[in-house]
């Protein structure tokens, strides 16, 4: 059974959700790209590699679907943006471009 938030994300924008009691990730596969929109990990589980566990799981799903690129987003004006950017770069994302108020990051995941 999915959460109300997962149902909302699916209904509103076609985003799929990976959920655990400690956090979640929303994503959407578009052609050969897998776009990751939101990652949330409860405070007590942060700095325990849980966000990377979610990313590892979505990479596996993306590869199975024929994707070769993971796309992530960072909104610099939001709380935690610096930490999110540092974590994304540590995971292997590279800066790609700026689009309006967000930064786009990409990671080659093969295919």
N, C-alpha and C. Protein backbone atom coordinates (compact mmCIF):
# COMPACT_ATOMS: atom_id res chain seq x y z
N UNK A 1 0.85 -1.19 0.00
CA UNK A 1 0.00 0.00 0.00
C UNK A 1 0.89 1.25 0.00
N UNK A 2 0.56 2.17 -0.84
CA UNK A 2 1.38 3.38 -0.92
C UNK A 2 0.81 4.48 -0.02
N UNK A 3 1.64 5.44 0.25
CA UNK A 3 1.24 6.56 1.09
C UNK A 3 0.39 7.55 0.28
N UNK A 4 -0.34 8.42 0.96
CA UNK A 4 -1.06 9.47 0.23
C UNK A 4 -0.12 10.34 -0.61
N UNK A 5 1.08 10.62 -0.10
CA UNK A 5 2.01 11.44 -0.88
C UNK A 5 2.40 10.72 -2.18
N UNK A 6 2.65 9.42 -2.10
CA UNK A 6 3.02 8.66 -3.30
C UNK A 6 1.87 8.67 -4.31
N UNK A 7 0.66 8.53 -3.83
CA UNK A 7 -0.50 8.59 -4.73
C UNK A 7 -0.63 9.96 -5.36
N UNK A 8 -0.40 11.00 -4.58
CA UNK A 8 -0.44 12.38 -5.07
C UNK A 8 0.61 12.59 -6.17
N UNK A 9 1.84 12.19 -5.91
CA UNK A 9 2.93 12.38 -6.88
C UNK A 9 2.63 11.64 -8.18
N UNK A 10 2.08 10.45 -8.08
CA UNK A 10 1.74 9.66 -9.27
C UNK A 10 0.60 10.33 -10.05
N UNK A 11 -0.43 10.74 -9.34
CA UNK A 11 -1.59 11.34 -9.99
C UNK A 11 -1.27 12.70 -10.60
N UNK A 12 -0.53 13.50 -9.87
CA UNK A 12 -0.27 14.88 -10.32
C UNK A 12 0.77 14.96 -11.44
N UNK A 13 1.86 14.19 -11.32
CA UNK A 13 2.94 14.35 -12.29
C UNK A 13 3.55 13.06 -12.80
N UNK A 14 2.92 11.94 -12.52
CA UNK A 14 3.42 10.67 -13.04
C UNK A 14 4.69 10.17 -12.36
N UNK A 15 5.01 10.72 -11.20
CA UNK A 15 6.22 10.30 -10.49
C UNK A 15 5.95 9.01 -9.71
N UNK A 16 6.89 8.11 -9.79
CA UNK A 16 6.88 6.88 -8.99
C UNK A 16 7.59 7.18 -7.68
N UNK A 17 7.33 6.38 -6.68
CA UNK A 17 7.93 6.60 -5.36
C UNK A 17 8.51 5.30 -4.82
N UNK A 18 9.70 5.40 -4.26
CA UNK A 18 10.29 4.31 -3.48
C UNK A 18 10.19 4.78 -2.03
N UNK A 19 9.54 3.99 -1.18
CA UNK A 19 9.28 4.43 0.19
C UNK A 19 9.71 3.39 1.22
N UNK A 20 10.24 3.91 2.29
CA UNK A 20 10.53 3.11 3.48
C UNK A 20 10.09 3.93 4.69
N UNK A 21 10.07 3.34 5.86
CA UNK A 21 9.65 4.10 7.04
C UNK A 21 10.64 5.21 7.38
N UNK A 22 11.86 5.13 6.87
CA UNK A 22 12.89 6.14 7.16
C UNK A 22 13.06 7.19 6.07
N UNK A 23 12.38 7.01 4.91
CA UNK A 23 12.52 7.99 3.86
C UNK A 23 11.90 7.57 2.54
N UNK A 24 12.02 8.46 1.55
CA UNK A 24 11.47 8.16 0.23
C UNK A 24 12.23 8.90 -0.85
N UNK A 25 12.00 8.46 -2.09
CA UNK A 25 12.55 9.09 -3.28
C UNK A 25 11.46 9.08 -4.34
N UNK A 26 11.30 10.19 -5.06
CA UNK A 26 10.36 10.21 -6.19
C UNK A 26 11.16 10.35 -7.48
N UNK A 27 10.67 9.69 -8.52
CA UNK A 27 11.39 9.69 -9.80
C UNK A 27 10.41 9.49 -10.95
N UNK A 28 10.91 9.74 -12.13
CA UNK A 28 10.13 9.49 -13.35
C UNK A 28 11.10 9.11 -14.45
N UNK A 29 10.75 8.09 -15.20
CA UNK A 29 11.57 7.66 -16.34
C UNK A 29 11.00 8.28 -17.60
N UNK A 30 11.89 8.99 -18.31
CA UNK A 30 11.51 9.64 -19.57
C UNK A 30 12.54 9.24 -20.60
N UNK A 31 12.17 8.34 -21.46
CA UNK A 31 13.11 7.84 -22.47
C UNK A 31 14.28 7.14 -21.81
N UNK A 32 15.49 7.60 -22.09
CA UNK A 32 16.69 6.99 -21.52
C UNK A 32 17.18 7.71 -20.27
N UNK A 33 16.35 8.63 -19.76
CA UNK A 33 16.72 9.35 -18.55
C UNK A 33 15.79 8.99 -17.41
N UNK A 34 16.36 8.95 -16.23
CA UNK A 34 15.59 8.79 -15.01
C UNK A 34 15.80 10.07 -14.20
N UNK A 35 14.71 10.81 -14.03
CA UNK A 35 14.78 12.06 -13.29
C UNK A 35 14.38 11.82 -11.84
N UNK A 36 15.25 12.23 -10.93
CA UNK A 36 14.99 12.10 -9.49
C UNK A 36 14.56 13.47 -8.98
N UNK A 37 13.38 13.53 -8.40
CA UNK A 37 12.81 14.81 -7.98
C UNK A 37 13.02 15.11 -6.50
N UNK A 38 12.62 14.20 -5.67
CA UNK A 38 12.71 14.43 -4.23
C UNK A 38 13.36 13.24 -3.55
N UNK A 39 14.23 13.55 -2.61
CA UNK A 39 14.78 12.53 -1.71
C UNK A 39 14.60 13.09 -0.31
N UNK A 40 13.99 12.31 0.54
CA UNK A 40 13.83 12.71 1.93
C UNK A 40 14.22 11.55 2.83
N UNK A 41 15.09 11.84 3.80
CA UNK A 41 15.49 10.86 4.80
C UNK A 41 15.26 11.51 6.17
N UNK A 42 14.58 10.78 7.05
CA UNK A 42 14.33 11.32 8.39
C UNK A 42 15.65 11.67 9.07
N UNK A 43 15.60 12.73 9.89
CA UNK A 43 16.82 13.27 10.51
C UNK A 43 17.68 12.22 11.19
N UNK A 44 17.06 11.32 11.93
CA UNK A 44 17.85 10.34 12.68
C UNK A 44 18.55 9.32 11.79
N UNK A 45 18.21 9.28 10.50
CA UNK A 45 18.85 8.35 9.58
C UNK A 45 19.80 9.05 8.59
N UNK A 46 19.90 10.35 8.70
CA UNK A 46 20.80 11.07 7.80
C UNK A 46 22.25 10.76 8.16
N UNK A 47 23.10 10.86 7.18
CA UNK A 47 24.53 10.53 7.31
C UNK A 47 24.75 9.04 7.60
N UNK A 48 23.81 8.21 7.16
CA UNK A 48 23.92 6.76 7.32
C UNK A 48 23.90 6.03 5.98
N UNK A 49 24.01 6.79 4.89
CA UNK A 49 24.00 6.27 3.52
C UNK A 49 22.60 5.90 3.03
N UNK A 50 21.55 6.24 3.77
CA UNK A 50 20.19 5.89 3.36
C UNK A 50 19.81 6.57 2.04
N UNK A 51 20.19 7.84 1.85
CA UNK A 51 19.88 8.51 0.58
C UNK A 51 20.55 7.78 -0.57
N UNK A 52 21.78 7.33 -0.36
CA UNK A 52 22.48 6.58 -1.40
C UNK A 52 21.82 5.24 -1.64
N UNK A 53 21.28 4.62 -0.60
CA UNK A 53 20.54 3.36 -0.77
C UNK A 53 19.34 3.58 -1.70
N UNK A 54 18.63 4.69 -1.50
CA UNK A 54 17.51 5.02 -2.37
C UNK A 54 17.98 5.25 -3.80
N UNK A 55 19.06 5.97 -3.96
CA UNK A 55 19.61 6.21 -5.30
C UNK A 55 20.08 4.92 -5.95
N UNK A 56 20.74 4.06 -5.18
CA UNK A 56 21.16 2.76 -5.73
C UNK A 56 19.95 1.97 -6.25
N UNK A 57 18.86 2.02 -5.49
CA UNK A 57 17.66 1.30 -5.90
C UNK A 57 17.05 1.88 -7.17
N UNK A 58 16.99 3.20 -7.27
CA UNK A 58 16.42 3.80 -8.48
C UNK A 58 17.34 3.59 -9.67
N UNK A 59 18.65 3.55 -9.47
CA UNK A 59 19.57 3.26 -10.57
C UNK A 59 19.30 1.87 -11.13
N UNK A 60 19.09 0.90 -10.26
CA UNK A 60 18.79 -0.46 -10.70
C UNK A 60 17.50 -0.48 -11.51
N UNK A 61 16.46 0.19 -11.02
CA UNK A 61 15.19 0.27 -11.76
C UNK A 61 15.37 0.97 -13.10
N UNK A 62 16.14 2.04 -13.10
CA UNK A 62 16.37 2.82 -14.32
C UNK A 62 17.11 1.98 -15.36
N UNK A 63 18.15 1.30 -14.95
CA UNK A 63 18.92 0.47 -15.89
C UNK A 63 18.03 -0.62 -16.48
N UNK A 64 17.20 -1.23 -15.64
CA UNK A 64 16.27 -2.26 -16.11
C UNK A 64 15.32 -1.71 -17.15
N UNK A 65 15.00 -0.43 -17.05
CA UNK A 65 14.10 0.23 -17.99
C UNK A 65 14.83 0.81 -19.20
N UNK A 66 16.14 0.57 -19.30
CA UNK A 66 16.91 1.03 -20.45
C UNK A 66 17.50 2.42 -20.33
N UNK A 67 17.47 2.99 -19.14
CA UNK A 67 18.03 4.33 -18.95
C UNK A 67 19.55 4.29 -18.90
N UNK A 68 20.17 5.39 -19.35
CA UNK A 68 21.62 5.50 -19.24
C UNK A 68 22.06 6.76 -18.48
N UNK A 69 21.10 7.59 -18.08
CA UNK A 69 21.42 8.83 -17.38
C UNK A 69 20.47 9.05 -16.22
N UNK A 70 21.03 9.45 -15.10
CA UNK A 70 20.27 9.86 -13.93
C UNK A 70 20.34 11.38 -13.87
N UNK A 71 19.21 12.03 -13.71
CA UNK A 71 19.15 13.49 -13.63
C UNK A 71 18.64 13.86 -12.25
N UNK A 72 19.33 14.78 -11.60
CA UNK A 72 18.91 15.27 -10.30
C UNK A 72 18.77 16.78 -10.34
N UNK A 73 18.08 17.31 -9.36
CA UNK A 73 17.83 18.75 -9.30
C UNK A 73 18.19 19.29 -7.93
N UNK A 74 18.64 20.53 -7.91
CA UNK A 74 18.93 21.21 -6.64
C UNK A 74 18.39 22.63 -6.74
N UNK A 75 17.62 23.02 -5.72
CA UNK A 75 17.08 24.36 -5.63
C UNK A 75 17.87 25.10 -4.57
N UNK A 76 18.84 25.95 -4.96
CA UNK A 76 19.74 26.60 -4.00
C UNK A 76 19.05 27.40 -2.90
N UNK A 77 17.86 27.89 -3.14
CA UNK A 77 17.19 28.73 -2.14
C UNK A 77 16.46 27.93 -1.06
N UNK A 78 16.48 26.60 -1.14
CA UNK A 78 15.74 25.80 -0.17
C UNK A 78 16.64 25.35 0.98
N UNK A 79 16.05 25.11 2.15
CA UNK A 79 16.85 24.61 3.28
C UNK A 79 17.53 23.29 2.92
N UNK A 80 18.79 23.15 3.31
CA UNK A 80 19.54 21.91 3.06
C UNK A 80 20.12 21.79 1.67
N UNK A 81 20.01 22.86 0.86
CA UNK A 81 20.48 22.78 -0.53
C UNK A 81 21.98 22.50 -0.63
N UNK A 82 22.77 23.11 0.24
CA UNK A 82 24.22 22.90 0.20
C UNK A 82 24.55 21.45 0.51
N UNK A 83 23.93 20.90 1.54
CA UNK A 83 24.17 19.50 1.91
C UNK A 83 23.71 18.55 0.80
N UNK A 84 22.57 18.88 0.19
CA UNK A 84 22.08 18.05 -0.91
C UNK A 84 23.03 18.07 -2.09
N UNK A 85 23.56 19.24 -2.41
CA UNK A 85 24.51 19.36 -3.51
C UNK A 85 25.78 18.57 -3.21
N UNK A 86 26.29 18.69 -1.99
CA UNK A 86 27.50 17.95 -1.61
C UNK A 86 27.27 16.45 -1.71
N UNK A 87 26.11 15.99 -1.24
CA UNK A 87 25.80 14.55 -1.29
C UNK A 87 25.68 14.08 -2.74
N UNK A 88 25.05 14.87 -3.59
CA UNK A 88 24.89 14.49 -4.99
C UNK A 88 26.24 14.37 -5.69
N UNK A 89 27.10 15.33 -5.45
CA UNK A 89 28.44 15.28 -6.07
C UNK A 89 29.24 14.10 -5.53
N UNK A 90 29.13 13.83 -4.24
CA UNK A 90 29.82 12.68 -3.65
C UNK A 90 29.30 11.37 -4.25
N UNK A 91 28.03 11.33 -4.62
CA UNK A 91 27.45 10.12 -5.23
C UNK A 91 27.88 9.96 -6.69
N UNK A 92 28.42 11.01 -7.28
CA UNK A 92 28.91 10.92 -8.65
C UNK A 92 28.17 11.78 -9.65
N UNK A 93 27.23 12.58 -9.19
CA UNK A 93 26.56 13.51 -10.10
C UNK A 93 27.55 14.60 -10.52
N UNK A 94 27.37 15.11 -11.72
CA UNK A 94 28.16 16.21 -12.25
C UNK A 94 27.22 17.38 -12.54
N UNK A 95 27.73 18.59 -12.37
CA UNK A 95 26.93 19.76 -12.71
C UNK A 95 26.66 19.77 -14.21
N UNK A 96 25.44 20.06 -14.59
CA UNK A 96 25.07 20.08 -15.99
C UNK A 96 24.68 21.48 -16.45
N UNK A 97 23.72 22.10 -15.77
CA UNK A 97 23.26 23.42 -16.19
C UNK A 97 22.38 24.04 -15.11
N UNK A 98 22.02 25.28 -15.36
CA UNK A 98 21.08 25.99 -14.49
C UNK A 98 19.86 26.28 -15.33
N UNK A 99 18.70 26.00 -14.76
CA UNK A 99 17.44 26.20 -15.45
C UNK A 99 16.51 26.96 -14.51
N UNK A 100 16.35 28.23 -14.72
CA UNK A 100 15.53 29.03 -13.81
C UNK A 100 16.15 29.08 -12.44
N UNK A 101 15.42 28.61 -11.44
CA UNK A 101 15.88 28.65 -10.05
C UNK A 101 16.48 27.32 -9.59
N UNK A 102 16.71 26.40 -10.52
CA UNK A 102 17.25 25.10 -10.12
C UNK A 102 18.51 24.76 -10.89
N UNK A 103 19.32 23.93 -10.26
CA UNK A 103 20.54 23.42 -10.86
C UNK A 103 20.27 21.98 -11.29
N UNK A 104 20.65 21.65 -12.50
CA UNK A 104 20.52 20.29 -12.98
C UNK A 104 21.85 19.57 -12.86
N UNK A 105 21.77 18.33 -12.39
CA UNK A 105 22.95 17.48 -12.24
C UNK A 105 22.70 16.18 -12.99
N UNK A 106 23.74 15.59 -13.54
CA UNK A 106 23.59 14.33 -14.27
C UNK A 106 24.64 13.32 -13.80
N UNK A 107 24.25 12.06 -13.97
CA UNK A 107 25.16 10.95 -13.65
C UNK A 107 24.97 9.89 -14.72
N UNK A 108 26.05 9.49 -15.35
CA UNK A 108 26.02 8.40 -16.33
C UNK A 108 25.87 7.09 -15.55
N UNK A 109 24.84 6.32 -15.89
CA UNK A 109 24.62 5.04 -15.19
C UNK A 109 24.75 3.86 -16.14
N UNK A 110 25.34 4.11 -17.30
CA UNK A 110 25.48 3.01 -18.26
C UNK A 110 24.13 2.69 -18.88
N UNK A 111 23.88 1.48 -19.16
CA UNK A 111 22.57 1.18 -19.75
C UNK A 111 22.45 -0.21 -20.13
